[in-house]
Amino acid sequence: MAKDSSKVWSVFSLVAALGSAAVARKAIDRAWQISTGRKPPENPADPDVQVWEAVAWVTTTGAVVALARMFAQRRAARYYFRSTGELPPPLRKDGQ
């Protein structure tokens, strides 16, 4: 059962992380357009993108997407716990 639950958790966690990252990215794109009046940079490494804009975009995107993924995975772990009565395999401490 532990091996099956590990696979279930891996898929469940991956779906939660990818879904939350996609939603966060759309929200960031929209917020960028509203706040700057311009489209977000497609490639921050492009020399035509101003350095301040590239740094702001990479910093904002990285932080927001990472936070969204973390919260989604925590929520998925809570759901997994409620459904199975135990933490997902990678989150179990020794002896649990």
N, C-alpha and C. Protein backbone atom coordinates (compact mmCIF):
# COMPACT_ATOMS: atom_id res chain seq x y z
N MET A 1 0.82 -1.20 0.00
CA MET A 1 0.00 0.00 0.00
C MET A 1 0.86 1.26 0.00
N ALA A 2 1.98 1.22 0.71
CA ALA A 2 2.84 2.41 0.80
C ALA A 2 3.36 2.82 -0.57
N LYS A 3 3.71 1.84 -1.40
CA LYS A 3 4.21 2.17 -2.72
C LYS A 3 3.12 2.80 -3.58
N ASP A 4 1.89 2.26 -3.51
CA ASP A 4 0.77 2.82 -4.25
C ASP A 4 0.44 4.22 -3.76
N SER A 5 0.44 4.42 -2.44
CA SER A 5 0.10 5.74 -1.92
C SER A 5 1.18 6.75 -2.28
N SER A 6 2.41 6.30 -2.41
CA SER A 6 3.49 7.19 -2.81
C SER A 6 3.27 7.66 -4.25
N LYS A 7 2.85 6.75 -5.11
CA LYS A 7 2.57 7.12 -6.51
C LYS A 7 1.38 8.07 -6.59
N VAL A 8 0.35 7.76 -5.82
CA VAL A 8 -0.84 8.63 -5.80
C VAL A 8 -0.44 10.03 -5.35
N TRP A 9 0.34 10.09 -4.27
CA TRP A 9 0.77 11.40 -3.76
C TRP A 9 1.61 12.13 -4.80
N SER A 10 2.51 11.44 -5.49
CA SER A 10 3.36 12.08 -6.49
C SER A 10 2.53 12.73 -7.58
N VAL A 11 1.54 12.01 -8.08
CA VAL A 11 0.68 12.55 -9.12
C VAL A 11 -0.17 13.69 -8.57
N PHE A 12 -0.75 13.50 -7.42
CA PHE A 12 -1.61 14.51 -6.79
C PHE A 12 -0.83 15.79 -6.54
N SER A 13 0.36 15.66 -6.00
CA SER A 13 1.22 16.80 -5.70
C SER A 13 1.64 17.53 -6.97
N LEU A 14 1.99 16.77 -8.00
CA LEU A 14 2.40 17.36 -9.27
C LEU A 14 1.26 18.15 -9.91
N VAL A 15 0.07 17.59 -9.93
CA VAL A 15 -1.08 18.28 -10.50
C VAL A 15 -1.38 19.57 -9.73
N ALA A 16 -1.32 19.50 -8.41
CA ALA A 16 -1.57 20.70 -7.60
C ALA A 16 -0.53 21.77 -7.88
N ALA A 17 0.73 21.38 -7.97
CA ALA A 17 1.81 22.34 -8.21
C ALA A 17 1.70 22.97 -9.59
N LEU A 18 1.47 22.16 -10.61
CA LEU A 18 1.37 22.69 -11.97
C LEU A 18 0.15 23.59 -12.14
N GLY A 19 -0.97 23.16 -11.57
CA GLY A 19 -2.18 23.97 -11.67
C GLY A 19 -2.03 25.31 -10.98
N SER A 20 -1.47 25.30 -9.81
CA SER A 20 -1.30 26.56 -9.07
C SER A 20 -0.30 27.47 -9.76
N ALA A 21 0.75 26.90 -10.33
CA ALA A 21 1.75 27.71 -11.05
C ALA A 21 1.11 28.37 -12.28
N ALA A 22 0.26 27.64 -12.98
CA ALA A 22 -0.40 28.21 -14.16
C ALA A 22 -1.34 29.34 -13.78
N VAL A 23 -2.10 29.14 -12.72
CA VAL A 23 -3.03 30.19 -12.26
C VAL A 23 -2.25 31.41 -11.77
N ALA A 24 -1.18 31.17 -11.03
CA ALA A 24 -0.36 32.28 -10.53
C ALA A 24 0.25 33.06 -11.69
N ARG A 25 0.72 32.37 -12.68
CA ARG A 25 1.35 33.04 -13.83
C ARG A 25 0.34 33.93 -14.56
N LYS A 26 -0.88 33.45 -14.73
CA LYS A 26 -1.90 34.28 -15.38
C LYS A 26 -2.20 35.52 -14.55
N ALA A 27 -2.28 35.34 -13.25
CA ALA A 27 -2.55 36.48 -12.36
C ALA A 27 -1.41 37.48 -12.40
N ILE A 28 -0.18 36.99 -12.43
CA ILE A 28 0.98 37.89 -12.49
C ILE A 28 1.00 38.65 -13.81
N ASP A 29 0.73 37.96 -14.90
CA ASP A 29 0.68 38.62 -16.21
C ASP A 29 -0.33 39.76 -16.21
N ARG A 30 -1.50 39.47 -15.68
CA ARG A 30 -2.57 40.48 -15.65
C ARG A 30 -2.20 41.66 -14.74
N ALA A 31 -1.67 41.36 -13.57
CA ALA A 31 -1.27 42.41 -12.64
C ALA A 31 -0.16 43.28 -13.24
N TRP A 32 0.75 42.66 -13.98
CA TRP A 32 1.83 43.41 -14.62
C TRP A 32 1.26 44.38 -15.65
N GLN A 33 0.32 43.89 -16.45
CA GLN A 33 -0.29 44.75 -17.47
C GLN A 33 -1.03 45.92 -16.83
N ILE A 34 -1.74 45.65 -15.76
CA ILE A 34 -2.49 46.72 -15.09
C ILE A 34 -1.54 47.74 -14.46
N SER A 35 -0.49 47.26 -13.80
CA SER A 35 0.38 48.17 -13.08
C SER A 35 1.36 48.94 -13.97
N THR A 36 1.80 48.32 -15.08
CA THR A 36 2.78 49.01 -15.93
C THR A 36 2.18 49.54 -17.23
N GLY A 37 1.03 49.02 -17.61
CA GLY A 37 0.44 49.42 -18.89
C GLY A 37 1.07 48.73 -20.08
N ARG A 38 1.98 47.78 -19.82
CA ARG A 38 2.66 47.05 -20.89
C ARG A 38 2.52 45.55 -20.67
N LYS A 39 2.76 44.80 -21.75
CA LYS A 39 2.80 43.34 -21.63
C LYS A 39 4.03 42.95 -20.82
N PRO A 40 3.94 41.84 -20.10
CA PRO A 40 5.13 41.38 -19.38
C PRO A 40 6.21 40.95 -20.38
N PRO A 41 7.47 41.03 -19.98
CA PRO A 41 8.53 40.61 -20.90
C PRO A 41 8.43 39.13 -21.21
N GLU A 42 8.50 38.80 -22.48
CA GLU A 42 8.44 37.38 -22.87
C GLU A 42 9.73 36.66 -22.51
N ASN A 43 10.85 37.37 -22.66
CA ASN A 43 12.15 36.79 -22.33
C ASN A 43 12.97 37.87 -21.61
N PRO A 44 13.05 37.78 -20.28
CA PRO A 44 13.79 38.79 -19.54
C PRO A 44 15.27 38.88 -19.91
N ALA A 45 15.84 37.86 -20.54
CA ALA A 45 17.24 37.88 -20.95
C ALA A 45 17.46 38.67 -22.24
N ASP A 46 16.38 39.04 -22.91
CA ASP A 46 16.47 39.81 -24.14
C ASP A 46 17.11 41.17 -23.86
N PRO A 47 18.15 41.55 -24.59
CA PRO A 47 18.81 42.84 -24.35
C PRO A 47 17.90 44.05 -24.56
N ASP A 48 16.81 43.87 -25.30
CA ASP A 48 15.88 44.98 -25.51
C ASP A 48 15.01 45.25 -24.29
N VAL A 49 14.97 44.32 -23.34
CA VAL A 49 14.19 44.51 -22.11
C VAL A 49 15.09 45.25 -21.12
N GLN A 50 14.55 46.32 -20.54
CA GLN A 50 15.34 47.09 -19.57
C GLN A 50 15.69 46.22 -18.37
N VAL A 51 16.86 46.45 -17.79
CA VAL A 51 17.34 45.63 -16.69
C VAL A 51 16.38 45.69 -15.50
N TRP A 52 15.89 46.87 -15.15
CA TRP A 52 14.99 46.99 -14.00
C TRP A 52 13.73 46.17 -14.23
N GLU A 53 13.25 46.18 -15.49
CA GLU A 53 12.03 45.45 -15.81
C GLU A 53 12.27 43.94 -15.74
N ALA A 54 13.42 43.50 -16.25
CA ALA A 54 13.75 42.07 -16.21
C ALA A 54 13.89 41.59 -14.77
N VAL A 55 14.58 42.36 -13.94
CA VAL A 55 14.77 41.98 -12.54
C VAL A 55 13.44 41.95 -11.80
N ALA A 56 12.63 42.97 -12.01
CA ALA A 56 11.31 43.02 -11.35
C ALA A 56 10.44 41.84 -11.79
N TRP A 57 10.47 41.53 -13.07
CA TRP A 57 9.64 40.44 -13.59
C TRP A 57 10.09 39.09 -13.04
N VAL A 58 11.40 38.82 -13.09
CA VAL A 58 11.92 37.53 -12.62
C VAL A 58 11.69 37.36 -11.13
N THR A 59 11.93 38.42 -10.37
CA THR A 59 11.75 38.35 -8.92
C THR A 59 10.29 38.11 -8.56
N THR A 60 9.42 38.87 -9.16
CA THR A 60 7.99 38.74 -8.87
C THR A 60 7.47 37.37 -9.30
N THR A 61 7.78 36.97 -10.50
CA THR A 61 7.30 35.69 -11.02
C THR A 61 7.81 34.53 -10.17
N GLY A 62 9.10 34.53 -9.88
CA GLY A 62 9.68 33.44 -9.10
C GLY A 62 9.05 33.32 -7.72
N ALA A 63 8.91 34.45 -7.05
CA ALA A 63 8.37 34.42 -5.68
C ALA A 63 6.91 34.00 -5.67
N VAL A 64 6.11 34.59 -6.54
CA VAL A 64 4.67 34.29 -6.54
C VAL A 64 4.40 32.85 -6.96
N VAL A 65 5.07 32.37 -7.97
CA VAL A 65 4.86 30.99 -8.42
C VAL A 65 5.32 30.01 -7.34
N ALA A 66 6.44 30.26 -6.71
CA ALA A 66 6.92 29.38 -5.64
C ALA A 66 5.94 29.35 -4.47
N LEU A 67 5.43 30.51 -4.09
CA LEU A 67 4.45 30.56 -2.99
C LEU A 67 3.16 29.83 -3.37
N ALA A 68 2.69 30.04 -4.59
CA ALA A 68 1.46 29.38 -5.03
C ALA A 68 1.64 27.86 -5.02
N ARG A 69 2.79 27.38 -5.50
CA ARG A 69 3.05 25.94 -5.49
C ARG A 69 3.10 25.40 -4.07
N MET A 70 3.76 26.12 -3.16
CA MET A 70 3.87 25.66 -1.79
C MET A 70 2.49 25.57 -1.14
N PHE A 71 1.68 26.61 -1.30
CA PHE A 71 0.35 26.58 -0.69
C PHE A 71 -0.52 25.49 -1.30
N ALA A 72 -0.42 25.28 -2.61
CA ALA A 72 -1.20 24.21 -3.26
C ALA A 72 -0.76 22.84 -2.75
N GLN A 73 0.53 22.63 -2.59
CA GLN A 73 1.00 21.33 -2.12
C GLN A 73 0.64 21.12 -0.64
N ARG A 74 0.65 22.18 0.14
CA ARG A 74 0.21 22.05 1.54
C ARG A 74 -1.27 21.69 1.60
N ARG A 75 -2.04 22.33 0.74
CA ARG A 75 -3.48 22.03 0.71
C ARG A 75 -3.72 20.59 0.24
N ALA A 76 -2.94 20.17 -0.75
CA ALA A 76 -3.05 18.79 -1.24
C ALA A 76 -2.67 17.80 -0.14
N ALA A 77 -1.65 18.12 0.64
CA ALA A 77 -1.24 17.24 1.74
C ALA A 77 -2.34 17.16 2.79
N ARG A 78 -2.99 18.28 3.06
CA ARG A 78 -4.10 18.29 4.03
C ARG A 78 -5.25 17.41 3.52
N TYR A 79 -5.57 17.53 2.24
CA TYR A 79 -6.63 16.71 1.65
C TYR A 79 -6.24 15.23 1.70
N TYR A 80 -5.00 14.93 1.37
CA TYR A 80 -4.51 13.55 1.42
C TYR A 80 -4.64 13.00 2.84
N PHE A 81 -4.26 13.80 3.82
CA PHE A 81 -4.34 13.38 5.21
C PHE A 81 -5.78 13.10 5.61
N ARG A 82 -6.70 13.99 5.23
CA ARG A 82 -8.12 13.78 5.57
C ARG A 82 -8.67 12.53 4.89
N SER A 83 -8.19 12.25 3.68
CA SER A 83 -8.70 11.10 2.93
C SER A 83 -8.13 9.77 3.41
N THR A 84 -6.88 9.77 3.82
CA THR A 84 -6.22 8.50 4.17
C THR A 84 -5.94 8.34 5.66
N GLY A 85 -5.96 9.43 6.39
CA GLY A 85 -5.65 9.36 7.82
C GLY A 85 -4.17 9.41 8.13
N GLU A 86 -3.34 9.59 7.12
CA GLU A 86 -1.90 9.70 7.33
C GLU A 86 -1.32 10.71 6.36
N LEU A 87 -0.15 11.21 6.70
CA LEU A 87 0.52 12.16 5.82
C LEU A 87 1.01 11.46 4.56
N PRO A 88 1.20 12.20 3.48
CA PRO A 88 1.78 11.61 2.27
C PRO A 88 3.17 11.05 2.59
N PRO A 89 3.59 10.00 1.91
CA PRO A 89 4.87 9.35 2.21
C PRO A 89 6.06 10.30 2.34
N PRO A 90 6.26 11.25 1.43
CA PRO A 90 7.45 12.10 1.58
C PRO A 90 7.40 13.05 2.77
N LEU A 91 6.22 13.26 3.33
CA LEU A 91 6.08 14.19 4.45
C LEU A 91 6.06 13.50 5.81
N ARG A 92 6.09 12.18 5.80
CA ARG A 92 6.08 11.45 7.08
C ARG A 92 7.45 11.57 7.76
N LYS A 93 7.36 11.74 9.05
CA LYS A 93 8.60 11.75 9.84
C LYS A 93 8.94 10.30 10.17
N ASP A 94 10.16 10.07 10.58
CA ASP A 94 10.57 8.72 10.95
C ASP A 94 9.65 8.18 12.03
N GLY A 95 9.23 6.94 11.86
CA GLY A 95 8.39 6.28 12.86
C GLY A 95 6.90 6.54 12.70
N GLN A 96 6.48 7.28 11.70
CA GLN A 96 5.04 7.52 11.53
C GLN A 96 4.45 6.48 10.62
